[in-house]
Amino acid sequence: MDKQLKRGVLDICVLSSLQENPSYGYKIIKDVSSCIEISESTLYPILKRLEAMECVVSNKVEHNGRIRKYYSITATGKLRIDDFLLEWEKLMDIYQFIKGENGNV
């Protein structure tokens, strides 16, 4: 997969994993890995970037004597998912055109 395309898709997958409940790094990796490969070294820069873009917020919670950082999606993050889905529909039209399945773009 193209590196830039994968980067954008990973951002959306991380945001999507937070739609139901706040989560922490290890669990996000576990959830996202069910559909696309992601490592810790990839996840944390994504979370930092999403936080800078105000798509997620974080808070620290003590868990079993250790501090765990939880991430929650914001309204901006939810809008980013919606925008991605609209763009993806347009990309699917282009995909079908390229495959010769649909002459209307």
N, C-alpha and C. Protein backbone atom coordinates (compact mmCIF):
# COMPACT_ATOMS: atom_id res chain seq x y z
N MET A 1 0.85 -1.18 0.00
CA MET A 1 0.00 0.00 0.00
C MET A 1 0.90 1.24 0.00
N ASP A 2 0.51 2.25 -0.74
CA ASP A 2 1.22 3.52 -0.78
C ASP A 2 1.38 4.09 0.63
N LYS A 3 2.58 4.58 0.93
CA LYS A 3 2.90 5.05 2.28
C LYS A 3 1.97 6.18 2.74
N GLN A 4 1.70 7.16 1.89
CA GLN A 4 0.83 8.28 2.26
C GLN A 4 -0.61 7.83 2.44
N LEU A 5 -1.05 6.95 1.57
CA LEU A 5 -2.42 6.43 1.69
C LEU A 5 -2.56 5.65 3.00
N LYS A 6 -1.57 4.81 3.29
CA LYS A 6 -1.62 4.02 4.53
C LYS A 6 -1.63 4.94 5.74
N ARG A 7 -0.85 6.02 5.69
CA ARG A 7 -0.81 6.95 6.82
C ARG A 7 -2.19 7.53 7.09
N GLY A 8 -2.87 7.97 6.03
CA GLY A 8 -4.21 8.53 6.19
C GLY A 8 -5.20 7.51 6.70
N VAL A 9 -5.09 6.30 6.20
CA VAL A 9 -6.00 5.23 6.62
C VAL A 9 -5.75 4.87 8.08
N LEU A 10 -4.48 4.82 8.48
CA LEU A 10 -4.17 4.52 9.88
C LEU A 10 -4.75 5.57 10.82
N ASP A 11 -4.64 6.85 10.44
CA ASP A 11 -5.23 7.91 11.27
C ASP A 11 -6.72 7.64 11.50
N ILE A 12 -7.42 7.31 10.43
CA ILE A 12 -8.87 7.09 10.53
C ILE A 12 -9.16 5.82 11.32
N CYS A 13 -8.35 4.79 11.16
CA CYS A 13 -8.55 3.56 11.93
C CYS A 13 -8.37 3.82 13.42
N VAL A 14 -7.36 4.63 13.78
CA VAL A 14 -7.15 4.97 15.19
C VAL A 14 -8.35 5.75 15.72
N LEU A 15 -8.80 6.74 14.95
CA LEU A 15 -9.98 7.50 15.38
C LEU A 15 -11.19 6.59 15.53
N SER A 16 -11.37 5.70 14.59
CA SER A 16 -12.52 4.79 14.62
C SER A 16 -12.49 3.88 15.84
N SER A 17 -11.29 3.48 16.26
CA SER A 17 -11.19 2.61 17.43
C SER A 17 -11.61 3.32 18.71
N LEU A 18 -11.69 4.65 18.65
CA LEU A 18 -12.05 5.44 19.83
C LEU A 18 -13.52 5.88 19.82
N GLN A 19 -14.26 5.50 18.80
CA GLN A 19 -15.64 5.99 18.68
C GLN A 19 -16.56 5.51 19.81
N GLU A 20 -16.38 4.28 20.25
CA GLU A 20 -17.27 3.73 21.28
C GLU A 20 -16.83 4.14 22.68
N ASN A 21 -15.54 4.03 22.95
CA ASN A 21 -15.02 4.30 24.30
C ASN A 21 -13.60 4.85 24.22
N PRO A 22 -13.19 5.62 25.23
CA PRO A 22 -11.79 6.01 25.33
C PRO A 22 -10.93 4.75 25.43
N SER A 23 -9.68 4.85 25.00
CA SER A 23 -8.81 3.68 25.03
C SER A 23 -7.37 4.11 25.22
N TYR A 24 -6.50 3.14 25.42
CA TYR A 24 -5.08 3.37 25.65
C TYR A 24 -4.28 2.66 24.56
N GLY A 25 -3.00 3.01 24.47
CA GLY A 25 -2.16 2.57 23.37
C GLY A 25 -2.22 1.09 23.03
N TYR A 26 -1.94 0.23 23.99
CA TYR A 26 -1.90 -1.20 23.71
C TYR A 26 -3.23 -1.71 23.16
N LYS A 27 -4.33 -1.25 23.74
CA LYS A 27 -5.66 -1.69 23.28
C LYS A 27 -5.96 -1.15 21.88
N ILE A 28 -5.55 0.09 21.61
CA ILE A 28 -5.75 0.65 20.26
C ILE A 28 -5.00 -0.19 19.24
N ILE A 29 -3.76 -0.55 19.55
CA ILE A 29 -2.97 -1.39 18.63
C ILE A 29 -3.69 -2.71 18.40
N LYS A 30 -4.16 -3.33 19.46
CA LYS A 30 -4.87 -4.61 19.35
C LYS A 30 -6.12 -4.47 18.48
N ASP A 31 -6.90 -3.40 18.70
CA ASP A 31 -8.14 -3.20 17.94
C ASP A 31 -7.85 -2.91 16.46
N VAL A 32 -6.93 -2.02 16.20
CA VAL A 32 -6.63 -1.62 14.82
C VAL A 32 -5.95 -2.75 14.05
N SER A 33 -5.13 -3.54 14.74
CA SER A 33 -4.40 -4.63 14.08
C SER A 33 -5.32 -5.69 13.49
N SER A 34 -6.58 -5.69 13.89
CA SER A 34 -7.51 -6.66 13.31
C SER A 34 -7.80 -6.35 11.84
N CYS A 35 -7.51 -5.11 11.41
CA CYS A 35 -7.77 -4.78 9.99
C CYS A 35 -6.53 -4.26 9.26
N ILE A 36 -5.56 -3.69 9.98
CA ILE A 36 -4.35 -3.18 9.33
C ILE A 36 -3.21 -3.21 10.35
N GLU A 37 -2.03 -3.56 9.88
CA GLU A 37 -0.88 -3.69 10.78
C GLU A 37 -0.45 -2.33 11.32
N ILE A 38 -0.21 -2.27 12.62
CA ILE A 38 0.26 -1.05 13.27
C ILE A 38 1.13 -1.44 14.47
N SER A 39 2.19 -0.68 14.67
CA SER A 39 3.10 -0.95 15.78
C SER A 39 3.08 0.23 16.75
N GLU A 40 3.70 0.03 17.91
CA GLU A 40 3.80 1.12 18.88
C GLU A 40 4.52 2.32 18.29
N SER A 41 5.60 2.03 17.56
CA SER A 41 6.39 3.13 17.00
C SER A 41 5.63 3.90 15.93
N THR A 42 4.57 3.32 15.41
CA THR A 42 3.70 4.00 14.45
C THR A 42 2.55 4.68 15.18
N LEU A 43 1.99 4.01 16.17
CA LEU A 43 0.80 4.53 16.85
C LEU A 43 1.04 5.84 17.59
N TYR A 44 2.09 5.91 18.38
CA TYR A 44 2.24 7.08 19.24
C TYR A 44 2.47 8.39 18.47
N PRO A 45 3.21 8.39 17.37
CA PRO A 45 3.26 9.63 16.57
C PRO A 45 1.89 9.99 15.98
N ILE A 46 1.10 8.98 15.62
CA ILE A 46 -0.25 9.24 15.11
C ILE A 46 -1.09 9.90 16.21
N LEU A 47 -1.06 9.33 17.40
CA LEU A 47 -1.83 9.90 18.51
C LEU A 47 -1.38 11.33 18.83
N LYS A 48 -0.09 11.56 18.79
CA LYS A 48 0.43 12.91 19.05
C LYS A 48 -0.06 13.89 17.98
N ARG A 49 -0.03 13.46 16.72
CA ARG A 49 -0.50 14.30 15.62
C ARG A 49 -2.01 14.56 15.73
N LEU A 50 -2.77 13.51 16.04
CA LEU A 50 -4.23 13.67 16.18
C LEU A 50 -4.57 14.58 17.35
N GLU A 51 -3.77 14.50 18.40
CA GLU A 51 -4.00 15.37 19.55
C GLU A 51 -3.69 16.83 19.18
N ALA A 52 -2.62 17.06 18.43
CA ALA A 52 -2.27 18.41 17.98
C ALA A 52 -3.34 18.99 17.06
N MET A 53 -4.01 18.10 16.31
CA MET A 53 -5.08 18.52 15.40
C MET A 53 -6.43 18.63 16.11
N GLU A 54 -6.43 18.36 17.42
CA GLU A 54 -7.63 18.39 18.25
C GLU A 54 -8.68 17.35 17.84
N CYS A 55 -8.20 16.25 17.28
CA CYS A 55 -9.09 15.14 16.93
C CYS A 55 -9.26 14.19 18.10
N VAL A 56 -8.28 14.18 19.01
CA VAL A 56 -8.36 13.39 20.23
C VAL A 56 -7.87 14.24 21.40
N VAL A 57 -8.31 13.87 22.58
CA VAL A 57 -7.78 14.44 23.82
C VAL A 57 -7.32 13.27 24.68
N SER A 58 -6.40 13.55 25.58
CA SER A 58 -5.90 12.48 26.44
C SER A 58 -6.00 12.86 27.90
N ASN A 59 -6.06 11.85 28.73
CA ASN A 59 -5.98 12.06 30.17
C ASN A 59 -5.30 10.85 30.78
N LYS A 60 -4.66 11.07 31.89
CA LYS A 60 -3.92 10.00 32.57
C LYS A 60 -4.74 9.46 33.73
N VAL A 61 -4.76 8.14 33.82
CA VAL A 61 -5.53 7.45 34.86
C VAL A 61 -4.61 6.39 35.48
N GLU A 62 -4.68 6.27 36.79
CA GLU A 62 -3.91 5.22 37.46
C GLU A 62 -4.62 3.89 37.26
N HIS A 63 -3.84 2.88 36.87
CA HIS A 63 -4.38 1.54 36.63
C HIS A 63 -3.36 0.54 37.18
N ASN A 64 -3.75 -0.24 38.19
CA ASN A 64 -2.86 -1.22 38.82
C ASN A 64 -1.53 -0.60 39.25
N GLY A 65 -1.60 0.59 39.83
CA GLY A 65 -0.41 1.24 40.34
C GLY A 65 0.44 1.93 39.29
N ARG A 66 -0.01 1.92 38.05
CA ARG A 66 0.73 2.57 36.96
C ARG A 66 -0.16 3.61 36.32
N ILE A 67 0.48 4.61 35.75
CA ILE A 67 -0.27 5.64 35.04
C ILE A 67 -0.49 5.18 33.59
N ARG A 68 -1.74 5.23 33.17
CA ARG A 68 -2.10 4.85 31.80
C ARG A 68 -2.73 6.06 31.14
N LYS A 69 -2.31 6.35 29.93
CA LYS A 69 -2.84 7.49 29.18
C LYS A 69 -3.98 7.01 28.29
N TYR A 70 -5.16 7.57 28.52
CA TYR A 70 -6.34 7.23 27.73
C TYR A 70 -6.60 8.34 26.71
N TYR A 71 -7.05 7.92 25.54
CA TYR A 71 -7.37 8.85 24.46
C TYR A 71 -8.86 8.77 24.16
N SER A 72 -9.45 9.93 23.91
CA SER A 72 -10.87 10.02 23.56
C SER A 72 -11.00 10.82 22.27
N ILE A 73 -11.94 10.42 21.43
CA ILE A 73 -12.19 11.14 20.19
C ILE A 73 -12.99 12.41 20.51
N THR A 74 -12.74 13.46 19.75
CA THR A 74 -13.47 14.72 19.90
C THR A 74 -14.45 14.87 18.74
N ALA A 75 -15.25 15.92 18.80
CA ALA A 75 -16.16 16.21 17.69
C ALA A 75 -15.37 16.43 16.40
N THR A 76 -14.21 17.06 16.50
CA THR A 76 -13.35 17.28 15.32
C THR A 76 -12.90 15.94 14.75
N GLY A 77 -12.56 15.00 15.62
CA GLY A 77 -12.16 13.67 15.17
C GLY A 77 -13.29 12.94 14.47
N LYS A 78 -14.50 13.08 15.00
CA LYS A 78 -15.67 12.44 14.38
C LYS A 78 -15.94 13.04 13.00
N LEU A 79 -15.77 14.35 12.89
CA LEU A 79 -15.92 15.00 11.58
C LEU A 79 -14.87 14.52 10.59
N ARG A 80 -13.67 14.28 11.08
CA ARG A 80 -12.60 13.78 10.22
C ARG A 80 -12.96 12.41 9.66
N ILE A 81 -13.58 11.55 10.48
CA ILE A 81 -14.03 10.25 9.98
C ILE A 81 -15.10 10.45 8.92
N ASP A 82 -16.07 11.32 9.18
CA ASP A 82 -17.14 11.58 8.20
C ASP A 82 -16.56 12.08 6.88
N ASP A 83 -15.61 13.00 6.95
CA ASP A 83 -14.97 13.53 5.73
C ASP A 83 -14.25 12.42 4.97
N PHE A 84 -13.55 11.56 5.70
CA PHE A 84 -12.84 10.45 5.09
C PHE A 84 -13.82 9.54 4.34
N LEU A 85 -14.95 9.23 4.97
CA LEU A 85 -15.92 8.34 4.34
C LEU A 85 -16.48 8.94 3.05
N LEU A 86 -16.71 10.25 3.04
CA LEU A 86 -17.17 10.90 1.81
C LEU A 86 -16.10 10.85 0.72
N GLU A 87 -14.86 11.09 1.11
CA GLU A 87 -13.76 11.02 0.15
C GLU A 87 -13.60 9.60 -0.37
N TRP A 88 -13.77 8.63 0.50
CA TRP A 88 -13.61 7.23 0.11
C TRP A 88 -14.65 6.84 -0.94
N GLU A 89 -15.87 7.35 -0.80
CA GLU A 89 -16.89 7.08 -1.82
C GLU A 89 -16.45 7.59 -3.18
N LYS A 90 -15.86 8.77 -3.22
CA LYS A 90 -15.35 9.32 -4.47
C LYS A 90 -14.21 8.46 -5.02
N LEU A 91 -13.34 8.00 -4.12
CA LEU A 91 -12.25 7.13 -4.55
C LEU A 91 -12.77 5.82 -5.13
N MET A 92 -13.84 5.30 -4.58
CA MET A 92 -14.42 4.06 -5.10
C MET A 92 -14.96 4.26 -6.52
N ASP A 93 -15.52 5.44 -6.80
CA ASP A 93 -15.94 5.75 -8.17
C ASP A 93 -14.75 5.74 -9.11
N ILE A 94 -13.65 6.33 -8.67
CA ILE A 94 -12.42 6.36 -9.48
C ILE A 94 -11.89 4.94 -9.67
N TYR A 95 -11.90 4.16 -8.61
CA TYR A 95 -11.45 2.77 -8.67
C TYR A 95 -12.26 2.00 -9.71
N GLN A 96 -13.57 2.14 -9.67
CA GLN A 96 -14.41 1.43 -10.63
C GLN A 96 -14.15 1.91 -12.05
N PHE A 97 -13.90 3.19 -12.23
CA PHE A 97 -13.56 3.72 -13.55
C PHE A 97 -12.27 3.09 -14.06
N ILE A 98 -11.25 3.04 -13.21
CA ILE A 98 -9.96 2.48 -13.59
C ILE A 98 -10.10 1.01 -13.97
N LYS A 99 -10.92 0.28 -13.22
CA LYS A 99 -11.13 -1.15 -13.53
C LYS A 99 -12.02 -1.33 -14.74
N GLY A 100 -12.63 -0.25 -15.25
CA GLY A 100 -13.48 -0.37 -16.41
C GLY A 100 -14.88 -0.83 -16.07
N GLU A 101 -15.25 -0.74 -14.80
CA GLU A 101 -16.56 -1.22 -14.36
C GLU A 101 -17.64 -0.16 -14.43
N ASN A 102 -17.23 1.11 -14.53
CA ASN A 102 -18.21 2.18 -14.50
C ASN A 102 -17.66 3.36 -15.30
N GLY A 103 -18.37 3.78 -16.29
CA GLY A 103 -17.90 4.89 -17.11
C GLY A 103 -18.26 6.25 -16.54
N ASN A 104 -18.98 6.31 -15.43
CA ASN A 104 -19.39 7.58 -14.85
C ASN A 104 -18.56 7.91 -13.61
N VAL A 105 -17.80 8.98 -13.70
CA VAL A 105 -17.03 9.44 -12.53
C VAL A 105 -17.57 10.76 -12.09
